[in-house]
Protein backbone atom coordinates (compact mmCIF):
# COMPACT_ATOMS: atom_id res chain seq x y z
CA MET A 1 -36.50 18.69 57.45
CA THR A 2 -39.56 16.39 58.84
CA THR A 3 -40.27 12.62 58.05
CA LYS A 4 -43.07 13.32 55.54
CA THR A 5 -41.02 16.11 53.98
CA ARG A 6 -38.11 13.79 53.34
CA MET A 7 -40.78 11.02 51.75
CA ILE A 8 -42.52 13.66 49.95
CA ALA A 9 -38.57 14.29 48.88
CA VAL A 10 -37.57 10.89 47.82
CA LEU A 11 -41.29 10.24 45.98
CA GLY A 12 -40.56 13.33 43.72
CA THR A 13 -37.30 11.85 43.04
CA ALA A 14 -38.23 8.53 42.17
CA LEU A 15 -41.41 9.89 39.98
CA THR A 16 -38.61 12.34 37.61
CA LEU A 17 -36.17 9.16 36.77
CA ALA A 18 -39.20 7.07 36.04
CA ALA A 19 -40.58 9.86 33.87
CA ALA A 20 -36.93 10.63 32.00
CA PRO A 21 -35.91 8.97 28.60
CA LEU A 22 -33.70 6.44 28.40
CA ALA A 23 -29.98 7.24 27.85
CA ALA A 24 -29.28 7.19 23.74
CA GLU A 25 -27.01 4.17 22.90
CA THR A 26 -24.73 6.22 20.40
CA LEU A 27 -22.48 4.28 17.84
CA ARG A 28 -19.79 5.05 15.75
CA LEU A 29 -20.49 3.96 12.41
CA GLY A 30 -17.61 4.21 9.68
CA ASP A 31 -17.45 4.00 5.91
CA PHE A 32 -15.35 5.19 2.84
CA GLN A 33 -18.02 6.22 0.90
CA SER A 34 -18.74 10.56 0.68
CA THR A 35 -22.11 11.89 2.17
CA THR A 36 -22.76 12.63 -1.65
CA HIS A 37 -22.52 9.05 -3.12
CA ILE A 38 -25.87 7.16 -3.71
CA VAL A 39 -24.84 4.79 -1.61
CA SER A 40 -24.50 7.33 1.35
CA VAL A 41 -27.66 9.54 0.36
CA GLU A 42 -30.15 6.62 -0.51
CA GLY A 43 -28.64 3.79 1.89
CA THR A 44 -26.63 4.71 4.98
CA THR A 45 -27.75 8.02 5.82
CA LYS A 46 -31.31 6.83 5.02
CA TRP A 47 -31.16 3.75 7.42
CA MET A 48 -29.38 6.28 10.17
CA ALA A 49 -32.19 8.54 10.39
CA ALA A 50 -34.98 5.80 10.29
CA VAL A 51 -32.93 3.79 13.03
CA GLU A 52 -33.15 6.75 15.00
CA GLU A 53 -36.56 7.91 14.38
CA ALA A 54 -38.23 4.57 14.84
CA THR A 55 -36.10 3.78 18.74
CA GLY A 56 -37.45 7.46 19.65
CA GLY A 57 -33.59 8.38 19.59
CA GLU A 58 -32.64 5.18 21.58
CA ILE A 59 -30.12 4.13 19.09
CA GLY A 60 -28.62 7.41 17.93
CA PHE A 61 -25.26 7.45 15.25
CA GLU A 62 -21.80 9.26 15.06
CA HIS A 63 -21.01 8.98 11.23
CA PHE A 64 -17.32 8.95 10.08
CA PRO A 65 -17.46 8.96 6.30
CA SER A 66 -14.86 9.10 3.88
CA GLN A 67 -12.61 7.14 5.83
CA GLN A 68 -12.57 9.93 8.67
CA ALA A 69 -12.10 6.71 11.41
CA ALA A 70 -10.34 4.14 9.28
CA LYS A 71 -9.27 2.88 5.44
CA SER A 72 -11.34 0.73 3.44
CA LYS A 73 -9.58 -1.96 3.77
CA ALA A 74 -9.27 -1.51 8.07
CA GLN A 75 -12.69 -0.30 8.39
CA LEU A 76 -13.50 -4.25 9.92
CA ASP A 77 -10.57 -3.80 12.67
CA ALA A 78 -11.74 -0.43 13.66
CA VAL A 79 -15.14 -2.33 14.87
CA ASN A 80 -12.71 -5.05 16.18
CA ASN A 81 -10.58 -2.89 17.78
CA GLY A 82 -13.50 -0.65 19.60
CA ILE A 83 -12.60 2.57 17.20
CA LEU A 84 -15.79 2.16 15.66
CA ASP A 85 -19.20 0.57 16.94
CA ALA A 86 -20.67 -0.43 13.45
CA ALA A 87 -19.33 0.16 9.98
CA LEU A 88 -20.72 -0.47 6.23
CA LEU A 89 -18.10 -2.59 4.76
CA GLY A 90 -17.18 -2.87 1.19
CA THR A 91 -16.24 -6.70 1.32
CA PRO A 92 -13.92 -7.46 -1.44
CA TYR A 93 -12.17 -5.48 0.98
CA HIS A 94 -11.98 -7.88 3.24
CA ALA A 95 -11.65 -11.13 1.41
CA ASP A 96 -9.22 -12.41 3.29
CA VAL A 97 -11.75 -13.52 6.60
CA LEU A 98 -14.70 -12.82 4.15
CA PRO A 99 -14.14 -15.01 1.73
CA LEU A 100 -17.21 -16.95 0.41
CA ASN A 101 -18.39 -13.43 0.58
CA SER A 102 -16.69 -12.38 -2.98
CA VAL A 103 -18.80 -14.82 -4.46
CA VAL A 104 -21.22 -11.66 -5.73
CA ALA A 105 -17.96 -10.56 -7.63
CA LEU A 106 -17.83 -13.02 -9.85
CA PRO A 107 -18.87 -12.15 -13.60
CA GLY A 108 -21.93 -12.87 -15.49
CA TYR A 109 -24.58 -13.80 -12.01
CA TYR A 110 -26.84 -10.63 -11.53
CA GLY A 111 -27.97 -8.13 -14.06
CA SER A 112 -29.78 -5.41 -11.52
CA ALA A 113 -29.10 -4.22 -8.13
CA ALA A 114 -32.36 -5.22 -6.98
CA GLU A 115 -31.95 -8.78 -8.18
CA GLY A 116 -28.05 -8.93 -6.93
CA THR A 117 -29.19 -7.33 -3.43
CA GLN A 118 -32.41 -9.79 -3.01
CA ALA A 119 -30.04 -12.07 -3.74
CA LEU A 120 -27.35 -11.14 -0.75
CA GLN A 121 -30.15 -10.15 1.62
CA THR A 122 -31.28 -13.89 1.81
CA MET A 123 -27.90 -15.45 1.84
CA LEU A 124 -27.27 -12.93 4.63
CA GLU A 125 -29.96 -14.43 6.73
CA ALA A 126 -28.98 -17.80 7.23
CA GLY A 127 -25.82 -20.20 6.07
CA PRO A 128 -21.77 -19.53 5.30
CA LEU A 129 -22.30 -16.06 4.41
CA ARG A 130 -23.68 -14.71 8.27
CA ASP A 131 -21.55 -17.37 9.62
CA GLU A 132 -18.42 -15.84 7.95
CA PHE A 133 -19.40 -12.18 9.86
CA LEU A 134 -20.21 -13.83 12.69
CA ALA A 135 -16.69 -15.54 13.43
CA ALA A 136 -14.84 -12.15 12.26
CA GLY A 137 -17.05 -10.63 15.36
CA VAL A 138 -19.65 -8.72 13.84
CA THR A 139 -23.37 -9.17 13.28
CA PRO A 140 -24.64 -8.03 9.32
CA VAL A 141 -27.73 -6.47 9.76
CA PHE A 142 -27.93 -5.73 5.75
CA GLY A 143 -26.80 -6.20 2.98
CA PHE A 144 -27.16 -4.27 -1.16
CA VAL A 145 -24.77 -4.72 -4.20
CA LEU A 146 -23.65 -1.94 -6.91
CA PRO A 147 -25.40 -2.61 -10.28
CA PRO A 148 -23.43 -5.25 -12.61
CA TYR A 149 -19.86 -3.78 -13.32
CA GLN A 150 -19.03 -1.96 -16.98
CA VAL A 151 -15.96 -1.37 -18.01
CA LEU A 152 -14.94 2.05 -18.40
CA ALA A 153 -11.63 2.94 -20.71
CA LYS A 154 -9.58 5.29 -22.54
CA THR A 155 -10.01 3.06 -25.24
CA ARG A 156 -12.94 0.81 -26.57
CA LEU A 157 -12.94 -2.46 -25.17
CA GLY A 158 -14.84 -5.56 -26.63
CA MET A 159 -13.41 -8.57 -27.26
CA PRO A 160 -10.92 -9.97 -25.65
CA ALA A 161 -8.15 -9.21 -27.75
CA ASP A 162 -8.56 -5.67 -26.99
CA TRP A 163 -8.06 -6.45 -23.23
CA ALA A 164 -4.85 -7.55 -23.25
CA SER A 165 -1.69 -6.03 -21.75
CA GLN A 166 -4.61 -3.67 -19.59
CA ASP A 167 -3.90 -2.27 -16.74
CA ILE A 168 -7.35 -2.51 -15.38
CA ARG A 169 -8.60 -1.28 -11.98
CA THR A 170 -10.73 -4.28 -10.12
CA SER A 171 -12.20 -4.77 -6.63
CA GLY A 172 -10.55 -7.21 -5.00
CA SER A 173 -8.81 -10.39 -6.06
CA THR A 174 -12.18 -12.53 -7.62
CA GLN A 175 -12.44 -9.59 -9.87
CA ALA A 176 -8.81 -9.58 -10.36
CA MET A 177 -9.39 -13.32 -11.65
CA THR A 178 -12.06 -11.62 -14.37
CA ALA A 179 -9.44 -8.99 -16.01
CA ARG A 180 -6.60 -12.11 -16.14
CA SER A 181 -9.43 -14.22 -17.98
CA LEU A 182 -9.68 -11.43 -19.92
CA GLY A 183 -6.19 -10.68 -20.46
CA GLY A 184 -5.60 -7.82 -18.86
CA VAL A 185 -3.98 -7.11 -15.93
CA GLY A 186 -5.76 -6.77 -12.64
CA ILE A 187 -4.81 -3.85 -10.04
CA SER A 188 -6.34 -3.20 -6.55
CA ILE A 189 -6.81 0.73 -5.88
CA PRO A 190 -9.67 1.92 -3.33
CA GLY A 191 -12.18 4.11 -4.92
CA PRO A 192 -11.35 7.19 -3.26
CA GLU A 193 -7.87 6.67 -5.71
CA VAL A 194 -8.85 5.48 -8.92
CA TYR A 195 -9.69 8.95 -10.62
CA THR A 196 -5.85 10.11 -9.71
CA ALA A 197 -4.62 6.91 -10.98
CA VAL A 198 -6.61 7.33 -13.83
CA GLU A 199 -5.79 10.66 -14.98
CA ARG A 200 -1.99 9.66 -14.44
CA GLY A 201 -1.90 7.48 -16.75
CA ARG A 202 -1.35 4.32 -14.00
CA LEU A 203 -4.74 2.98 -15.07
CA ASP A 204 -5.80 2.00 -18.84
CA ALA A 205 -9.36 0.83 -17.71
CA VAL A 206 -11.57 0.64 -14.63
CA LEU A 207 -13.91 -1.91 -13.86
CA PHE A 208 -16.78 -0.15 -12.09
CA PRO A 209 -20.79 0.32 -11.34
CA LEU A 210 -22.24 2.58 -12.97
CA ALA A 211 -24.55 4.43 -10.13
CA SER A 212 -20.85 4.81 -8.85
CA VAL A 213 -19.01 6.85 -10.92
CA PRO A 214 -20.83 10.46 -10.28
CA GLY A 215 -19.32 10.29 -6.77
CA TYR A 216 -15.78 9.56 -8.17
CA LYS A 217 -16.62 11.43 -11.22
CA LEU A 218 -14.62 9.34 -13.63
CA ASN A 219 -16.53 10.31 -16.24
CA GLU A 220 -14.02 12.97 -16.59
CA VAL A 221 -11.21 10.81 -17.08
CA VAL A 222 -12.09 8.06 -19.63
CA SER A 223 -13.48 8.52 -23.02
CA HIS A 224 -15.74 4.97 -23.51
CA ILE A 225 -18.07 3.15 -21.24
CA SER A 226 -19.90 0.01 -21.73
CA THR A 227 -23.34 -0.35 -20.70
CA ASN A 228 -24.74 -4.12 -20.84
CA GLY A 229 -21.51 -6.07 -19.79
CA SER A 230 -21.69 -8.02 -16.32
CA PHE A 231 -18.12 -8.09 -15.06
CA GLY A 232 -18.99 -8.79 -11.57
CA GLY A 233 -20.40 -6.98 -8.78
CA TYR A 234 -19.96 -5.69 -5.36
CA SER A 235 -21.26 -5.88 -1.96
CA PHE A 236 -21.72 -3.79 0.88
CA VAL A 237 -22.61 -5.13 4.50
CA MET A 238 -23.85 -2.74 7.84
CA VAL A 239 -22.24 -4.75 10.59
CA ILE A 240 -22.28 -3.77 14.09
CA ARG A 241 -19.94 -5.45 16.46
CA SER A 242 -21.66 -8.34 18.18
CA ASP A 243 -21.16 -7.79 21.81
CA LEU A 244 -22.81 -4.88 20.99
CA PHE A 245 -25.59 -6.36 18.78
CA ASP A 246 -26.02 -8.92 21.12
CA GLY A 247 -27.18 -6.89 23.95
CA LEU A 248 -29.68 -4.64 22.52
CA PRO A 249 -33.21 -5.55 23.08
CA ALA A 250 -34.73 -7.98 21.13
CA ASP A 251 -37.29 -5.33 19.29
CA THR A 252 -34.45 -3.31 18.70
CA GLN A 253 -32.14 -5.84 17.28
CA ALA A 254 -35.83 -6.59 15.26
CA LYS A 255 -36.20 -2.58 13.99
CA LEU A 256 -32.27 -2.34 13.15
CA VAL A 257 -32.65 -5.62 10.36
CA SER A 258 -36.26 -4.70 8.98
CA LEU A 259 -35.33 -1.15 8.52
CA GLY A 260 -32.32 -2.38 6.72
CA ALA A 261 -33.69 -4.81 4.61
CA GLU A 262 -36.00 -2.08 3.87
CA THR A 263 -33.04 0.47 2.70
CA ALA A 264 -31.50 -2.55 0.91
CA ALA A 265 -34.08 -2.58 -1.09
CA HIS A 266 -34.49 0.86 -1.97
CA VAL A 267 -30.87 1.68 -2.51
CA ALA A 268 -30.79 -1.30 -5.07
CA GLN A 269 -33.45 0.32 -6.73
CA ALA A 270 -32.27 3.68 -6.70
CA GLN A 271 -29.47 2.74 -8.07
CA ASP A 272 -30.57 0.96 -10.86
CA ALA A 273 -33.06 3.70 -11.68
CA SER A 274 -29.87 6.63 -12.10
CA VAL A 275 -28.01 4.40 -13.99
CA ALA A 276 -30.41 5.25 -17.74
CA GLY A 277 -29.99 9.10 -17.02
CA LEU A 278 -26.39 8.92 -16.30
CA ILE A 279 -25.66 7.11 -19.56
CA GLU A 280 -27.70 9.99 -21.42
CA GLU A 281 -25.32 12.59 -19.47
CA TRP A 282 -22.37 11.01 -20.44
CA LYS A 283 -23.73 10.89 -24.18
CA ALA A 284 -24.23 14.62 -23.89
CA GLU A 285 -20.56 14.79 -22.62
CA GLY A 286 -19.53 13.39 -25.57
CA ILE A 287 -18.51 9.52 -24.16
CA ASP A 288 -18.97 6.84 -26.13
CA THR A 289 -21.11 4.92 -24.64
CA TYR A 290 -21.37 1.51 -26.26
CA SER A 291 -23.22 -1.57 -25.90
CA PHE A 292 -21.18 -4.72 -26.52
CA SER A 293 -22.38 -6.84 -29.69
CA ALA A 294 -23.92 -10.46 -29.80
CA GLU A 295 -20.14 -11.75 -30.78
CA GLU A 296 -18.35 -9.90 -28.49
CA LEU A 297 -20.79 -10.64 -25.04
CA ALA A 298 -20.55 -14.18 -26.55
CA ALA A 299 -16.42 -14.16 -26.98
CA VAL A 300 -16.50 -11.83 -23.40
CA THR A 301 -18.94 -14.54 -21.95
CA GLU A 302 -16.33 -17.45 -23.35
CA ALA A 303 -13.36 -15.92 -21.63
CA THR A 304 -14.71 -15.82 -18.15
CA GLY A 305 -16.25 -17.92 -17.84
CA ALA A 306 -13.59 -20.39 -16.24
CA VAL A 307 -13.81 -17.67 -13.47
CA SER A 308 -16.36 -19.19 -11.29
CA THR A 309 -14.73 -22.77 -11.03
CA ASP A 310 -11.02 -20.95 -10.46
CA TRP A 311 -13.12 -19.08 -7.36
CA VAL A 312 -13.75 -22.17 -5.62
CA GLU A 313 -10.97 -23.73 -6.18
CA ARG A 314 -8.99 -20.57 -4.79
CA ILE A 315 -11.00 -20.44 -2.01
CA ASP A 316 -10.33 -24.03 -1.08
CA ASN A 317 -13.74 -23.87 1.50
CA ASP A 318 -15.88 -26.82 2.10
CA GLY A 319 -18.88 -24.42 1.96
CA ALA A 320 -17.69 -23.02 -1.45
CA ILE A 321 -19.63 -24.90 -4.30
CA SER A 322 -22.46 -25.04 -2.28
CA VAL A 323 -22.26 -20.98 -1.76
CA LEU A 324 -21.98 -20.61 -5.48
CA GLU A 325 -24.81 -22.93 -5.94
CA THR A 326 -27.10 -21.21 -3.95
CA TYR A 327 -26.43 -17.78 -5.73
CA SER A 328 -26.66 -19.31 -8.80
CA GLU A 329 -29.89 -20.44 -7.88
CA LEU A 330 -31.12 -16.89 -6.66
CA THR A 331 -30.01 -15.11 -9.28
CA GLY A 332 -31.05 -17.36 -12.07
CA ASN A 333 -27.84 -17.78 -13.72
């Protein structure tokens, strides 16, 4: 091969490499929801598709739903240990390392998923809630909440006396305090296991967001569902391991976050919109979908009023009071 020929060959190789697309970054993303759950359909999978499109395939995903890679309580550890690169965390399952984020579980604050999500997104931009995630080795990309929790039970629960000694499924220690304030016994059971627990009589009632009921088919095992209560909430936060996130180009980081904000607002609105239709379906199935009377609401509100104060004392963190004050201001309560 002549010198001229070698130069042409080298130049051709260089041009080929320059024209080749950047290698895709495939993130292993875990969550504990099924792909048919509204949180996945309108949230997780929607965000993944939007990111892949916006980055031209620079960022891709390998999705592990339904606890395929790690149990609900082990999602954060899986990210930190390198089993996963990202995860949609259910924050109540990680209250030991994210105690301030459990503020969302307090009763009586937000009235819709859209309202609660807007408050959470604001608090994840800067401040104690964000700092907790960073200290845990992950970066929060976006977060959203489920609609306010209602009570699903085998018998109608209204006045606090009705709740006495009832075994009630709660999401995390903060919501367990709500059940106890009403005289019940809070029992923590992961969502995928609740159906069987109710069916077999281990649980008398469940505190659950109505938009999530179809994903777990709980309407098949209860006969009474409240519609106007506010027994706390539940937040999901999409996180990426911080060293990985920090290594991404700034414009890619910005796309992940901006698309996350759009997704958070969308999935919140989708959940709120689904509730009215679900209530009508359950009525047609013969389920007692009921509203608490003014007297019942007043009694329940009074009984659960001390939960926020107890939460601040239990958290025993200098930031708890300011977090609660900010949360209260943002939700208008």
